[in-house]
Amino acid sequence: MLLLERFAKLLAWCRPGVLIVTHRNADVDAVAAAFTLNYVLRSYGEGVSDICVPEGVDLASKKILSALGFSVPKSGKCVGKRIVLIDVSTLAQVEDVEFSECSVVDHHVVNSVVEVCGLAVYDPKAGATSALIAEALMNLGFTVPRAYATLLLAGIMFDTRFLRIASSRLLRVVSWLLDVGGDLEEVSRLLTHQEIPYSERIAKLKSLSRMGIYVVGEDNILTMTCVGAYEASSLRVALDAGSDIAIAVAPREDSARVVIRVSSRLLQEFKTPVAAELARYLGENLGGSGGGHEAAAGVVIPLISIRSLEDAVFQFFRLRGYKVRALDRGRWMEECT
């Protein structure tokens, strides 16, 4: 019942008016949770709520929102007296957001925002932020329209990779969403049949051509690359090609976004949330901040720190007793600096 109590406090806290903020380039989980919370708050008819997404939503989210009849939320600098951070584990994910008070709804294993905000609906075992919202509504007896049930299902399926990461608790939430009208067949169609844009295909190929290849321990393959966009897509290619730890660096004007993905094989060996721990370590040691899931995480570091990134990654694994060696350093450092 702790989740229900915290969610009830969140609803009361939001009633004077609130801005709902997701991480930049918001994925399906973040979008689903934000839209549903906005719907719930507006249903109560008190205060004003709206959604703001730094740098907009990703392509999968745009496709799903359009298919289900939702408008894409506004993007840009997010400013509000009270804000609710949705699916946000570090303030670096929302850049220069301005606020006086904040609350957070999130499920990432490593989360530094919980310490900043006064109120948190937070559970790293939830599976997805969408699942946290859905579970709270299920326990409240609050029935959502079919479109929102389908959107929440999409968020859950996206973040759990179609329930590859699941629990009996999560399955009860999924069952409830199906009972209230969620369309799993539609979710499957929208998430698995996506036309890949030309620019994304080019980004994937560039990431491969620049990739550095390293070995952690006996046979764990670590890859690092430099990309200008589509980091997540490039990392999926790396994992499919055999990487156990895949890192993509995306330089910006004065900072760089470092995105990390880890294979199931490596998670089983390490038995810790490797991606989240690596992101936090890099943030602490390179002057940035980061966090995320056990298998997917990100960190923002100063642009100048890119030259120290390889050494920091090596040191992270060496501190855990693993030798690291380079097979082919590739061109990623040259391209990123």
Protein backbone atom coordinates (compact mmCIF):
# COMPACT_ATOMS: atom_id res chain seq x y z
CA MET A 1 0.00 0.00 0.00
CA LEU A 2 3.03 2.30 0.21
CA LEU A 3 2.78 2.97 -3.55
CA LEU A 4 -0.89 3.93 -3.22
CA GLU A 5 -0.18 6.29 -0.32
CA ARG A 6 2.63 8.05 -2.17
CA PHE A 7 0.59 8.33 -5.36
CA ALA A 8 -2.33 9.83 -3.43
CA LYS A 9 0.08 12.38 -1.92
CA LEU A 10 1.39 13.13 -5.40
CA LEU A 11 -2.12 13.82 -6.73
CA ALA A 12 -2.82 16.16 -3.83
CA TRP A 13 0.54 17.91 -4.33
CA CYS A 14 -0.23 18.46 -8.04
CA ARG A 15 -3.70 19.97 -7.62
CA PRO A 16 -2.63 23.63 -7.32
CA GLY A 17 -1.14 23.26 -10.81
CA VAL A 18 1.88 21.43 -12.18
CA LEU A 19 4.12 20.94 -15.22
CA ILE A 20 4.87 17.32 -16.12
CA VAL A 21 8.42 16.97 -17.47
CA THR A 22 10.01 13.88 -19.05
CA HIS A 23 13.61 13.28 -20.05
CA ARG A 24 14.76 14.66 -23.38
CA ASN A 25 14.04 12.61 -26.50
CA ALA A 26 11.36 10.88 -24.43
CA ASP A 27 10.82 7.17 -25.06
CA VAL A 28 7.51 5.31 -25.03
CA ASP A 29 7.62 4.54 -21.31
CA ALA A 30 8.17 8.18 -20.35
CA VAL A 31 5.51 9.44 -22.76
CA ALA A 32 2.91 6.90 -21.63
CA ALA A 33 3.42 7.69 -17.96
CA ALA A 34 3.37 11.46 -18.55
CA PHE A 35 0.22 11.43 -20.70
CA THR A 36 -1.65 9.20 -18.28
CA LEU A 37 -0.73 11.26 -15.22
CA ASN A 38 -1.82 14.39 -17.09
CA TYR A 39 -5.17 12.72 -17.89
CA VAL A 40 -5.70 11.73 -14.25
CA LEU A 41 -4.92 15.22 -12.96
CA ARG A 42 -7.26 16.84 -15.48
CA SER A 43 -9.99 14.36 -14.54
CA TYR A 44 -10.03 15.81 -11.06
CA GLY A 45 -10.71 19.27 -12.56
CA GLU A 46 -8.45 21.11 -10.14
CA GLY A 47 -5.46 23.25 -11.08
CA VAL A 48 -3.77 23.11 -14.45
CA SER A 49 -1.39 20.48 -15.75
CA ASP A 50 0.62 20.30 -18.95
CA ILE A 51 3.47 18.26 -20.44
CA CYS A 52 6.91 19.50 -21.48
CA VAL A 53 9.59 17.35 -23.14
CA PRO A 54 13.12 18.73 -23.64
CA GLU A 55 14.21 17.96 -27.23
CA GLY A 56 10.85 16.30 -27.97
CA VAL A 57 9.91 12.62 -28.14
CA ASP A 58 11.60 9.82 -30.06
CA LEU A 59 10.33 8.32 -33.31
CA ALA A 60 8.65 5.30 -31.70
CA SER A 61 6.73 7.60 -29.35
CA LYS A 62 5.60 9.84 -32.20
CA LYS A 63 4.30 6.83 -34.11
CA ILE A 64 2.39 5.42 -31.14
CA LEU A 65 0.93 8.77 -30.08
CA SER A 66 -0.29 9.44 -33.62
CA ALA A 67 -1.77 5.95 -33.99
CA LEU A 68 -3.68 6.25 -30.71
CA GLY A 69 -5.00 9.74 -31.43
CA PHE A 70 -2.75 11.78 -29.14
CA SER A 71 -0.95 15.02 -30.01
CA VAL A 72 2.82 15.20 -29.69
CA PRO A 73 3.67 17.34 -26.61
CA LYS A 74 5.55 20.61 -26.86
CA SER A 75 9.31 20.57 -26.60
CA GLY A 76 11.85 23.15 -25.51
CA LYS A 77 12.94 24.66 -22.22
CA CYS A 78 10.67 23.54 -19.38
CA VAL A 79 9.80 26.18 -16.78
CA GLY A 80 7.29 25.77 -13.96
CA LYS A 81 6.83 26.57 -10.29
CA ARG A 82 5.95 22.94 -9.54
CA ILE A 83 7.12 20.13 -11.79
CA VAL A 84 6.70 16.36 -11.80
CA LEU A 85 9.72 14.60 -13.30
CA ILE A 86 8.59 11.46 -15.12
CA ASP A 87 11.04 8.62 -15.88
CA VAL A 88 13.93 10.93 -14.94
CA SER A 89 16.85 9.60 -12.92
CA THR A 90 19.15 12.63 -13.04
CA LEU A 91 18.61 16.36 -13.68
CA ALA A 92 21.14 16.11 -16.52
CA GLN A 93 18.37 14.35 -18.49
CA VAL A 94 16.23 17.50 -18.47
CA GLU A 95 19.06 20.01 -18.97
CA ASP A 96 18.20 23.57 -17.88
CA VAL A 97 14.69 22.98 -16.52
CA GLU A 98 13.59 25.71 -14.09
CA PHE A 99 11.40 25.04 -11.06
CA SER A 100 10.82 25.91 -7.40
CA GLU A 101 9.50 22.53 -6.22
CA CYS A 102 9.65 19.08 -7.74
CA SER A 103 8.35 15.56 -7.35
CA VAL A 104 9.39 12.46 -9.27
CA VAL A 105 7.85 9.24 -10.61
CA ASP A 106 10.53 6.79 -11.70
CA HIS A 107 11.86 3.23 -11.62
CA HIS A 108 15.55 3.47 -12.57
CA VAL A 109 17.92 1.51 -10.36
CA VAL A 110 20.17 4.52 -9.84
CA ASN A 111 18.30 7.78 -9.24
CA SER A 112 19.76 11.03 -7.88
CA VAL A 113 16.57 13.08 -8.40
CA VAL A 114 14.85 11.30 -5.49
CA GLU A 115 17.28 13.11 -3.18
CA VAL A 116 16.45 16.49 -4.77
CA CYS A 117 12.65 16.34 -4.89
CA GLY A 118 10.49 16.43 -1.81
CA LEU A 119 8.05 13.75 -2.98
CA ALA A 120 8.90 10.55 -4.85
CA VAL A 121 6.83 7.71 -6.28
CA TYR A 122 9.86 5.54 -6.84
CA ASP A 123 10.37 1.79 -7.13
CA PRO A 124 13.34 0.25 -9.02
CA LYS A 125 11.52 -3.10 -9.08
CA ALA A 126 8.49 -1.79 -10.98
CA GLY A 127 9.80 -2.67 -14.46
CA ALA A 128 8.68 0.61 -16.04
CA THR A 129 7.45 4.04 -14.98
CA SER A 130 4.27 3.25 -16.92
CA ALA A 131 3.82 0.21 -14.71
CA LEU A 132 4.11 2.36 -11.57
CA ILE A 133 1.38 4.71 -12.82
CA ALA A 134 -0.83 1.81 -13.95
CA GLU A 135 -0.41 -0.09 -10.69
CA ALA A 136 -1.35 2.96 -8.63
CA LEU A 137 -4.47 3.55 -10.75
CA MET A 138 -5.40 -0.13 -10.54
CA ASN A 139 -5.20 0.00 -6.73
CA LEU A 140 -7.18 3.25 -6.66
CA GLY A 141 -9.95 1.73 -8.77
CA PHE A 142 -9.43 4.49 -11.37
CA THR A 143 -10.35 3.11 -14.81
CA VAL A 144 -8.60 4.72 -17.78
CA PRO A 145 -9.99 4.92 -21.34
CA ARG A 146 -8.92 2.27 -23.86
CA ALA A 147 -6.42 4.57 -25.59
CA TYR A 148 -4.60 5.26 -22.31
CA ALA A 149 -4.65 1.58 -21.35
CA THR A 150 -3.04 0.75 -24.71
CA LEU A 151 -0.51 3.57 -24.28
CA LEU A 152 0.46 2.28 -20.84
CA LEU A 153 0.81 -1.23 -22.25
CA ALA A 154 3.12 0.17 -24.91
CA GLY A 155 5.26 1.87 -22.27
CA ILE A 156 5.55 -1.33 -20.26
CA MET A 157 6.30 -3.52 -23.29
CA PHE A 158 8.89 -1.04 -24.54
CA ASP A 159 10.85 -0.84 -21.29
CA THR A 160 10.63 -4.54 -20.39
CA ARG A 161 11.40 -5.68 -23.95
CA PHE A 162 8.03 -7.39 -24.20
CA LEU A 163 8.16 -8.78 -20.66
CA ARG A 164 11.62 -10.32 -20.90
CA ILE A 165 12.10 -8.48 -17.62
CA ALA A 166 8.91 -9.33 -15.71
CA SER A 167 7.47 -10.35 -12.35
CA SER A 168 4.14 -11.65 -11.10
CA ARG A 169 3.45 -8.13 -9.87
CA LEU A 170 4.02 -6.66 -13.32
CA LEU A 171 1.90 -9.35 -14.97
CA ARG A 172 -1.02 -8.42 -12.70
CA VAL A 173 -0.74 -4.84 -13.92
CA VAL A 174 -0.64 -5.98 -17.55
CA SER A 175 -3.70 -8.17 -16.95
CA TRP A 176 -5.60 -5.20 -15.51
CA LEU A 177 -4.70 -3.02 -18.50
CA LEU A 178 -6.00 -5.72 -20.84
CA ASP A 179 -9.20 -5.98 -18.79
CA VAL A 180 -9.88 -2.25 -19.12
CA GLY A 181 -9.41 -2.33 -22.90
CA GLY A 182 -5.70 -2.19 -23.65
CA ASP A 183 -4.91 -3.59 -27.08
CA LEU A 184 -1.76 -5.72 -26.92
CA GLU A 185 -2.00 -6.69 -30.59
CA GLU A 186 -1.92 -3.01 -31.56
CA VAL A 187 1.03 -2.41 -29.25
CA SER A 188 2.93 -5.28 -30.84
CA ARG A 189 2.22 -3.97 -34.33
CA LEU A 190 3.31 -0.43 -33.46
CA LEU A 191 6.49 -1.41 -31.64
CA THR A 192 7.76 -4.16 -33.92
CA HIS A 193 6.89 -2.87 -37.40
CA GLN A 194 8.71 0.40 -37.85
CA GLU A 195 10.14 1.75 -41.08
CA ILE A 196 13.73 2.83 -40.49
CA PRO A 197 14.45 6.34 -41.85
CA TYR A 198 17.39 6.90 -44.20
CA SER A 199 19.15 9.11 -41.62
CA GLU A 200 18.93 6.39 -38.98
CA ARG A 201 20.37 3.78 -41.34
CA ILE A 202 23.30 6.09 -42.10
CA ALA A 203 23.88 6.73 -38.38
CA LYS A 204 24.01 2.98 -37.69
CA LEU A 205 26.54 2.38 -40.45
CA LYS A 206 28.72 5.30 -39.31
CA SER A 207 28.68 3.97 -35.76
CA LEU A 208 30.00 0.62 -37.01
CA SER A 209 32.73 2.21 -39.11
CA ARG A 210 34.04 4.22 -36.12
CA MET A 211 33.71 1.51 -33.48
CA GLY A 212 36.47 0.60 -31.04
CA ILE A 213 36.58 -2.99 -29.78
CA TYR A 214 37.85 -4.02 -26.35
CA VAL A 215 37.77 -7.14 -24.16
CA VAL A 216 36.72 -7.13 -20.50
CA GLY A 217 37.85 -10.16 -18.55
CA GLU A 218 38.14 -13.36 -20.57
CA ASP A 219 35.61 -12.88 -23.35
CA ASN A 220 33.25 -9.98 -22.63
CA ILE A 221 33.25 -7.64 -25.62
CA LEU A 222 33.10 -3.90 -25.02
CA THR A 223 32.50 -1.53 -27.93
CA MET A 224 32.63 2.27 -28.06
CA THR A 225 31.56 4.50 -30.90
CA CYS A 226 30.81 8.13 -31.75
CA VAL A 227 27.47 9.18 -33.26
CA GLY A 228 25.60 12.39 -33.92
CA ALA A 229 22.13 10.94 -33.41
CA TYR A 230 20.21 7.66 -33.01
CA GLU A 231 22.41 6.47 -30.15
CA ALA A 232 19.93 3.81 -29.02
CA SER A 233 19.57 2.38 -32.53
CA SER A 234 23.33 2.25 -32.99
CA LEU A 235 23.73 0.44 -29.69
CA ARG A 236 21.13 -2.15 -30.64
CA VAL A 237 23.22 -2.91 -33.73
CA ALA A 238 26.32 -3.29 -31.56
CA LEU A 239 24.57 -5.70 -29.17
CA ASP A 240 23.13 -7.71 -32.05
CA ALA A 241 26.64 -7.93 -33.53
CA GLY A 242 28.04 -9.44 -30.33
CA SER A 243 28.83 -6.62 -27.87
CA ASP A 244 28.31 -7.30 -24.17
CA ILE A 245 28.81 -3.64 -23.23
CA ALA A 246 28.06 -1.07 -25.94
CA ILE A 247 28.77 2.63 -25.43
CA ALA A 248 27.84 5.47 -27.79
CA VAL A 249 29.17 9.01 -27.38
CA ALA A 250 27.17 11.89 -28.85
CA PRO A 251 28.99 15.26 -28.64
CA ARG A 252 27.00 18.49 -28.30
CA GLU A 253 28.12 22.14 -28.13
CA ASP A 254 29.64 22.02 -24.65
CA SER A 255 28.85 18.52 -23.40
CA ALA A 256 28.59 14.93 -24.55
CA ARG A 257 25.88 12.37 -23.99
CA VAL A 258 27.20 8.89 -23.23
CA VAL A 259 24.64 6.13 -23.70
CA ILE A 260 25.26 2.62 -22.37
CA ARG A 261 23.65 -0.75 -23.11
CA VAL A 262 24.55 -4.09 -21.52
CA SER A 263 23.70 -7.62 -22.67
CA SER A 264 21.78 -10.17 -20.57
CA ARG A 265 24.88 -12.36 -20.66
CA LEU A 266 26.99 -9.72 -18.89
CA LEU A 267 24.28 -8.98 -16.33
CA GLN A 268 24.19 -12.64 -15.38
CA GLU A 269 27.96 -12.66 -14.89
CA PHE A 270 28.19 -9.39 -12.92
CA LYS A 271 24.93 -9.83 -10.97
CA THR A 272 24.74 -6.04 -10.49
CA PRO A 273 23.03 -3.19 -12.42
CA VAL A 274 26.13 -2.69 -14.59
CA ALA A 275 24.83 0.03 -16.92
CA ALA A 276 23.48 2.19 -14.09
CA GLU A 277 26.61 1.77 -11.99
CA LEU A 278 28.90 2.58 -14.93
CA ALA A 279 26.86 5.71 -15.77
CA ARG A 280 27.05 6.91 -12.17
CA TYR A 281 30.80 6.18 -11.99
CA LEU A 282 31.49 8.09 -15.21
CA GLY A 283 29.43 11.04 -14.00
CA GLU A 284 31.22 11.18 -10.66
CA ASN A 285 34.69 10.87 -12.21
CA LEU A 286 34.29 12.98 -15.34
CA GLY A 287 32.40 15.96 -13.96
CA GLY A 288 28.90 14.98 -15.08
CA SER A 289 25.90 13.06 -13.83
CA GLY A 290 24.16 9.88 -14.89
CA GLY A 291 22.01 6.90 -14.02
CA GLY A 292 19.56 4.44 -15.48
CA HIS A 293 18.57 0.77 -15.57
CA GLU A 294 20.68 -2.34 -15.06
CA ALA A 295 20.93 -2.84 -18.84
CA ALA A 296 20.43 0.71 -20.16
CA ALA A 297 21.77 3.97 -18.80
CA GLY A 298 23.17 7.34 -19.76
CA VAL A 299 25.42 10.11 -18.51
CA VAL A 300 26.16 13.67 -19.61
CA ILE A 301 29.80 14.77 -19.28
CA PRO A 302 31.72 17.94 -20.24
CA LEU A 303 32.95 17.87 -23.83
CA ILE A 304 36.56 18.03 -22.67
CA SER A 305 36.08 14.81 -20.66
CA ILE A 306 35.67 12.68 -23.80
CA ARG A 307 39.46 12.25 -23.94
CA SER A 308 39.36 10.69 -20.46
CA LEU A 309 36.34 8.48 -21.16
CA GLU A 310 38.22 5.36 -22.30
CA ASP A 311 40.46 5.40 -19.22
CA ALA A 312 37.47 5.91 -16.92
CA VAL A 313 35.59 2.96 -18.45
CA PHE A 314 38.69 0.78 -18.09
CA GLN A 315 39.12 1.82 -14.47
CA PHE A 316 35.47 1.01 -13.67
CA PHE A 317 35.97 -2.61 -14.70
CA ARG A 318 39.47 -2.91 -13.20
CA LEU A 319 38.12 -1.85 -9.81
CA ARG A 320 35.81 -4.86 -10.08
CA GLY A 321 38.71 -7.22 -10.73
CA TYR A 322 38.51 -7.42 -14.53
CA LYS A 323 41.39 -6.93 -16.95
CA VAL A 324 40.62 -4.73 -19.95
CA ARG A 325 42.51 -4.70 -23.23
CA ALA A 326 42.02 -3.02 -26.60
CA LEU A 327 41.66 -5.16 -29.73
CA ASP A 328 41.05 -2.25 -32.11
CA ARG A 329 40.57 1.30 -30.82
CA GLY A 330 38.81 2.31 -34.02
CA ARG A 331 38.09 5.96 -34.94
CA TRP A 332 35.51 6.88 -32.32
CA MET A 333 37.84 9.13 -30.31
CA GLU A 334 39.00 10.93 -33.43
CA GLU A 335 35.43 11.53 -34.57
CA CYS A 336 34.22 12.70 -31.15
CA THR A 337 37.05 15.15 -30.48
